[in-house]
Amino acid sequence: MKLHNAITRTQKTSPTQSVPEKSIDKKKWLKVIEFAVVGFATWCDPTAGGLIFLLRFCFQILQALQNDRPK
């Protein structure tokens, strides 16, 4: 009976362990997209430093908004 209770407890906690992994995946994809967009913008016009700074700032705002999302 004790073994059954221990197995049931571990099964109940396993779905909550996958939630941080999804969050980490989203953060990684956001970083990859940020790198691609900023890299492409820099390649198109390397002299637009202020606009590229604002673009990176927008990605930081997106990341902060995702972290503030209620669970």
C-alpha atoms as a PDB file:
ATOM      1  CA  MET A   1       0.000   0.000   0.000  1.00  0.00           C
ATOM      2  CA  LYS A   2       2.839   2.399   0.815  1.00  0.00           C
ATOM      3  CA  LEU A   3       4.482   1.694  -2.533  1.00  0.00           C
ATOM      4  CA  HIS A   4       1.222   2.461  -4.335  1.00  0.00           C
ATOM      5  CA  ASN A   5       0.910   5.800  -2.502  1.00  0.00           C
ATOM      6  CA  ALA A   6       4.498   6.714  -3.372  1.00  0.00           C
ATOM      7  CA  ILE A   7       3.940   5.926  -7.049  1.00  0.00           C
ATOM      8  CA  THR A   8       0.691   7.906  -7.083  1.00  0.00           C
ATOM      9  CA  ARG A   9       2.438  10.928  -5.567  1.00  0.00           C
ATOM     10  CA  THR A  10       5.205  10.875  -8.162  1.00  0.00           C
ATOM     11  CA  GLN A  11       2.677  10.564 -10.972  1.00  0.00           C
ATOM     12  CA  LYS A  12       0.757  13.550  -9.655  1.00  0.00           C
ATOM     13  CA  THR A  13       3.865  15.747  -9.585  1.00  0.00           C
ATOM     14  CA  SER A  14       5.131  14.815 -13.048  1.00  0.00           C
ATOM     15  CA  PRO A  15       2.809  17.177 -15.025  1.00  0.00           C
ATOM     16  CA  THR A  16       4.002  20.151 -12.972  1.00  0.00           C
ATOM     17  CA  GLN A  17       7.591  19.315 -13.838  1.00  0.00           C
ATOM     18  CA  SER A  18       6.875  19.699 -17.564  1.00  0.00           C
ATOM     19  CA  VAL A  19       5.575  23.281 -17.148  1.00  0.00           C
ATOM     20  CA  PRO A  20       9.011  24.820 -16.459  1.00  0.00           C
ATOM     21  CA  GLU A  21      10.427  22.927 -19.444  1.00  0.00           C
ATOM     22  CA  LYS A  22       7.854  24.566 -21.713  1.00  0.00           C
ATOM     23  CA  SER A  23       8.721  27.931 -20.192  1.00  0.00           C
ATOM     24  CA  ILE A  24      12.412  27.323 -20.836  1.00  0.00           C
ATOM     25  CA  ASP A  25      11.651  26.296 -24.423  1.00  0.00           C
ATOM     26  CA  LYS A  26       9.697  29.511 -24.980  1.00  0.00           C
ATOM     27  CA  LYS A  27      12.558  31.570 -23.581  1.00  0.00           C
ATOM     28  CA  LYS A  28      15.044  29.793 -25.837  1.00  0.00           C
ATOM     29  CA  TRP A  29      12.870  30.323 -28.911  1.00  0.00           C
ATOM     30  CA  LEU A  30      12.405  33.987 -28.005  1.00  0.00           C
ATOM     31  CA  LYS A  31      16.189  34.392 -27.806  1.00  0.00           C
ATOM     32  CA  VAL A  32      16.652  32.660 -31.168  1.00  0.00           C
ATOM     33  CA  ILE A  33      14.012  34.854 -32.802  1.00  0.00           C
ATOM     34  CA  GLU A  34      15.536  37.957 -31.219  1.00  0.00           C
ATOM     35  CA  PHE A  35      18.970  37.015 -32.540  1.00  0.00           C
ATOM     36  CA  ALA A  36      17.609  36.396 -36.039  1.00  0.00           C
ATOM     37  CA  VAL A  37      15.548  39.597 -36.216  1.00  0.00           C
ATOM     38  CA  VAL A  38      18.240  41.850 -34.756  1.00  0.00           C
ATOM     39  CA  GLY A  39      20.904  40.191 -36.899  1.00  0.00           C
ATOM     40  CA  PHE A  40      18.840  40.674 -40.043  1.00  0.00           C
ATOM     41  CA  ALA A  41      18.098  44.311 -39.126  1.00  0.00           C
ATOM     42  CA  THR A  42      21.799  44.955 -38.510  1.00  0.00           C
ATOM     43  CA  TRP A  43      22.684  43.335 -41.829  1.00  0.00           C
ATOM     44  CA  CYS A  44      20.105  45.463 -43.665  1.00  0.00           C
ATOM     45  CA  ASP A  45      21.212  48.778 -42.143  1.00  0.00           C
ATOM     46  CA  PRO A  46      24.238  48.689 -39.830  1.00  0.00           C
ATOM     47  CA  THR A  47      24.119  52.463 -39.307  1.00  0.00           C
ATOM     48  CA  ALA A  48      20.685  52.403 -37.618  1.00  0.00           C
ATOM     49  CA  GLY A  49      22.026  51.903 -34.109  1.00  0.00           C
ATOM     50  CA  GLY A  50      19.141  53.654 -32.346  1.00  0.00           C
ATOM     51  CA  LEU A  51      16.484  51.631 -34.113  1.00  0.00           C
ATOM     52  CA  ILE A  52      18.305  48.373 -33.422  1.00  0.00           C
ATOM     53  CA  PHE A  53      18.534  49.373 -29.754  1.00  0.00           C
ATOM     54  CA  LEU A  54      14.749  49.944 -29.705  1.00  0.00           C
ATOM     55  CA  LEU A  55      14.193  46.590 -31.384  1.00  0.00           C
ATOM     56  CA  ARG A  56      16.230  44.808 -28.708  1.00  0.00           C
ATOM     57  CA  PHE A  57      14.363  46.781 -26.049  1.00  0.00           C
ATOM     58  CA  CYS A  58      11.050  45.509 -27.462  1.00  0.00           C
ATOM     59  CA  PHE A  59      12.257  41.915 -27.115  1.00  0.00           C
ATOM     60  CA  GLN A  60      13.243  42.581 -23.490  1.00  0.00           C
ATOM     61  CA  ILE A  61       9.743  43.929 -22.849  1.00  0.00           C
ATOM     62  CA  LEU A  62       8.246  40.774 -24.382  1.00  0.00           C
ATOM     63  CA  GLN A  63      10.382  38.620 -22.120  1.00  0.00           C
ATOM     64  CA  ALA A  64       9.417  40.651 -19.034  1.00  0.00           C
ATOM     65  CA  LEU A  65       5.731  40.377 -19.906  1.00  0.00           C
ATOM     66  CA  GLN A  66       6.022  36.600 -20.197  1.00  0.00           C
ATOM     67  CA  ASN A  67       7.672  36.406 -16.775  1.00  0.00           C
ATOM     68  CA  ASP A  68       4.885  38.486 -15.173  1.00  0.00           C
ATOM     69  CA  ARG A  69       2.118  36.233 -16.477  1.00  0.00           C
ATOM     70  CA  PRO A  70       0.077  34.816 -13.553  1.00  0.00           C
ATOM     71  CA  LYS A  71       0.173  31.058 -13.141  1.00  0.00           C
END
